[in-house]
Amino acid sequence: IGEEERGYNKNQFCIPKHYEEDLERVFIPHGLILDRTERLARDIMRDMGSHHIVALCVLKGGYKFFADLLDHIKALNQNGDKSVPVTVDFVRIKSC
């Protein structure tokens, strides 16, 4: 997001009360994030072909995105003409 990007007016969204005072604008709407996550899942399925997918989640911050991505991959597996095996694992990283 460039510095000149103004984002969206927060009045266009349902903002939880406890965030209203802290939030000035919305730069990336939730729907856009969901759309891009689904697109990423489709790209992964296309690129992996019928190969086994090993999904590795970095804990403490990446779980929600990871879960959404896996939900999209699962839906594509169930609704597609092929089913690709998926193994899930987690790693915790500590910064120094």
C-alpha atoms as a PDB file:
ATOM      1  CA  ILE A   1       0.000   0.000   0.000  1.00  0.00           C
ATOM      2  CA  GLY A   2       1.517   3.271  -1.074  1.00  0.00           C
ATOM      3  CA  GLU A   3       1.713   6.275   1.219  1.00  0.00           C
ATOM      4  CA  GLU A   4      -0.670   8.183  -1.034  1.00  0.00           C
ATOM      5  CA  GLU A   5      -3.331   5.462  -0.590  1.00  0.00           C
ATOM      6  CA  ARG A   6      -6.234   6.873   1.374  1.00  0.00           C
ATOM      7  CA  GLY A   7      -8.129   3.636   2.029  1.00  0.00           C
ATOM      8  CA  TYR A   8     -11.858   3.463   2.686  1.00  0.00           C
ATOM      9  CA  ASN A   9     -13.956   5.549   5.044  1.00  0.00           C
ATOM     10  CA  LYS A  10     -14.612   3.533   8.215  1.00  0.00           C
ATOM     11  CA  ASN A  11     -18.324   4.459   8.003  1.00  0.00           C
ATOM     12  CA  GLN A  12     -18.639   2.002   5.099  1.00  0.00           C
ATOM     13  CA  PHE A  13     -17.946  -0.919   7.469  1.00  0.00           C
ATOM     14  CA  CYS A  14     -19.341  -2.498  10.619  1.00  0.00           C
ATOM     15  CA  ILE A  15     -16.617  -1.669  13.112  1.00  0.00           C
ATOM     16  CA  PRO A  16     -16.725  -3.186  16.626  1.00  0.00           C
ATOM     17  CA  LYS A  17     -17.346  -0.492  19.243  1.00  0.00           C
ATOM     18  CA  HIS A  18     -14.043  -1.109  21.017  1.00  0.00           C
ATOM     19  CA  TYR A  19     -12.131  -0.262  17.805  1.00  0.00           C
ATOM     20  CA  GLU A  20     -14.102   2.830  16.705  1.00  0.00           C
ATOM     21  CA  GLU A  21     -11.907   5.380  18.490  1.00  0.00           C
ATOM     22  CA  ASP A  22      -8.638   3.754  17.393  1.00  0.00           C
ATOM     23  CA  LEU A  23      -9.502   3.291  13.727  1.00  0.00           C
ATOM     24  CA  GLU A  24      -9.318   6.132  11.229  1.00  0.00           C
ATOM     25  CA  ARG A  25      -9.676   4.321   7.871  1.00  0.00           C
ATOM     26  CA  VAL A  26      -9.803   0.794   6.427  1.00  0.00           C
ATOM     27  CA  PHE A  27      -7.010   0.022   3.960  1.00  0.00           C
ATOM     28  CA  ILE A  28      -7.806  -3.578   3.021  1.00  0.00           C
ATOM     29  CA  PRO A  29     -11.435  -4.733   3.465  1.00  0.00           C
ATOM     30  CA  HIS A  30     -12.042  -8.213   4.868  1.00  0.00           C
ATOM     31  CA  GLY A  31     -13.846  -9.307   1.704  1.00  0.00           C
ATOM     32  CA  LEU A  32     -10.792  -8.477  -0.392  1.00  0.00           C
ATOM     33  CA  ILE A  33      -8.580 -10.504   1.945  1.00  0.00           C
ATOM     34  CA  LEU A  34     -10.978 -13.472   1.670  1.00  0.00           C
ATOM     35  CA  ASP A  35     -11.015 -13.165  -2.117  1.00  0.00           C
ATOM     36  CA  ARG A  36      -7.217 -13.132  -2.314  1.00  0.00           C
ATOM     37  CA  THR A  37      -6.988 -16.075   0.094  1.00  0.00           C
ATOM     38  CA  GLU A  38      -9.345 -18.095  -2.102  1.00  0.00           C
ATOM     39  CA  ARG A  39      -7.336 -17.114  -5.178  1.00  0.00           C
ATOM     40  CA  LEU A  40      -4.147 -18.278  -3.442  1.00  0.00           C
ATOM     41  CA  ALA A  41      -5.804 -21.634  -2.640  1.00  0.00           C
ATOM     42  CA  ARG A  42      -6.787 -22.042  -6.301  1.00  0.00           C
ATOM     43  CA  ASP A  43      -3.248 -21.198  -7.414  1.00  0.00           C
ATOM     44  CA  ILE A  44      -1.779 -23.707  -4.957  1.00  0.00           C
ATOM     45  CA  MET A  45      -4.135 -26.452  -6.176  1.00  0.00           C
ATOM     46  CA  ARG A  46      -3.321 -25.648  -9.809  1.00  0.00           C
ATOM     47  CA  ASP A  47       0.446 -25.491  -9.258  1.00  0.00           C
ATOM     48  CA  MET A  48       0.654 -28.608  -7.086  1.00  0.00           C
ATOM     49  CA  GLY A  49      -1.320 -30.760  -9.499  1.00  0.00           C
ATOM     50  CA  SER A  50      -1.874 -34.104  -7.790  1.00  0.00           C
ATOM     51  CA  HIS A  51       1.179 -33.792  -5.525  1.00  0.00           C
ATOM     52  CA  HIS A  52       0.818 -34.132  -1.770  1.00  0.00           C
ATOM     53  CA  ILE A  53       0.563 -30.702  -0.091  1.00  0.00           C
ATOM     54  CA  VAL A  54       2.450 -30.126   3.161  1.00  0.00           C
ATOM     55  CA  ALA A  55       1.072 -27.017   4.851  1.00  0.00           C
ATOM     56  CA  LEU A  56       3.188 -25.464   7.605  1.00  0.00           C
ATOM     57  CA  CYS A  57       1.751 -22.740   9.837  1.00  0.00           C
ATOM     58  CA  VAL A  58       3.901 -20.309  11.801  1.00  0.00           C
ATOM     59  CA  LEU A  59       2.138 -19.931  15.149  1.00  0.00           C
ATOM     60  CA  LYS A  60       1.510 -16.694  16.996  1.00  0.00           C
ATOM     61  CA  GLY A  61       0.006 -14.660  14.210  1.00  0.00           C
ATOM     62  CA  GLY A  62      -0.502 -16.791  11.130  1.00  0.00           C
ATOM     63  CA  TYR A  63      -3.175 -19.188  12.367  1.00  0.00           C
ATOM     64  CA  LYS A  64      -6.320 -17.345  11.155  1.00  0.00           C
ATOM     65  CA  PHE A  65      -4.961 -16.842   7.652  1.00  0.00           C
ATOM     66  CA  PHE A  66      -3.685 -20.432   7.607  1.00  0.00           C
ATOM     67  CA  ALA A  67      -7.082 -21.812   8.696  1.00  0.00           C
ATOM     68  CA  ASP A  68      -8.901 -19.759   6.037  1.00  0.00           C
ATOM     69  CA  LEU A  69      -6.460 -20.905   3.350  1.00  0.00           C
ATOM     70  CA  LEU A  70      -6.895 -24.558   4.355  1.00  0.00           C
ATOM     71  CA  ASP A  71     -10.696 -24.146   4.345  1.00  0.00           C
ATOM     72  CA  HIS A  72     -10.524 -22.970   0.733  1.00  0.00           C
ATOM     73  CA  ILE A  73      -8.190 -25.828  -0.220  1.00  0.00           C
ATOM     74  CA  LYS A  74     -10.539 -28.298   1.498  1.00  0.00           C
ATOM     75  CA  ALA A  75     -13.534 -26.901  -0.417  1.00  0.00           C
ATOM     76  CA  LEU A  76     -11.634 -27.184  -3.704  1.00  0.00           C
ATOM     77  CA  ASN A  77     -10.685 -30.767  -2.818  1.00  0.00           C
ATOM     78  CA  GLN A  78     -14.321 -31.658  -2.082  1.00  0.00           C
ATOM     79  CA  ASN A  79     -15.828 -29.889  -5.088  1.00  0.00           C
ATOM     80  CA  GLY A  80     -13.125 -30.549  -7.666  1.00  0.00           C
ATOM     81  CA  ASP A  81     -12.508 -33.470  -9.963  1.00  0.00           C
ATOM     82  CA  LYS A  82      -9.396 -34.503  -8.028  1.00  0.00           C
ATOM     83  CA  SER A  83      -8.510 -34.837  -4.365  1.00  0.00           C
ATOM     84  CA  VAL A  84      -5.030 -33.894  -3.208  1.00  0.00           C
ATOM     85  CA  PRO A  85      -3.743 -35.169   0.152  1.00  0.00           C
ATOM     86  CA  VAL A  86      -2.877 -32.390   2.604  1.00  0.00           C
ATOM     87  CA  THR A  87      -0.672 -32.724   5.682  1.00  0.00           C
ATOM     88  CA  VAL A  88      -0.779 -29.942   8.254  1.00  0.00           C
ATOM     89  CA  ASP A  89       1.909 -29.063  10.777  1.00  0.00           C
ATOM     90  CA  PHE A  90       2.781 -26.106  13.001  1.00  0.00           C
ATOM     91  CA  VAL A  91       6.017 -24.427  13.983  1.00  0.00           C
ATOM     92  CA  ARG A  92       6.667 -21.822  16.670  1.00  0.00           C
ATOM     93  CA  ILE A  93       9.441 -19.348  15.995  1.00  0.00           C
ATOM     94  CA  LYS A  94      11.090 -17.170  18.601  1.00  0.00           C
ATOM     95  CA  SER A  95      12.769 -13.930  17.604  1.00  0.00           C
ATOM     96  CA  CYS A  96      15.913 -12.815  19.385  1.00  0.00           C
END
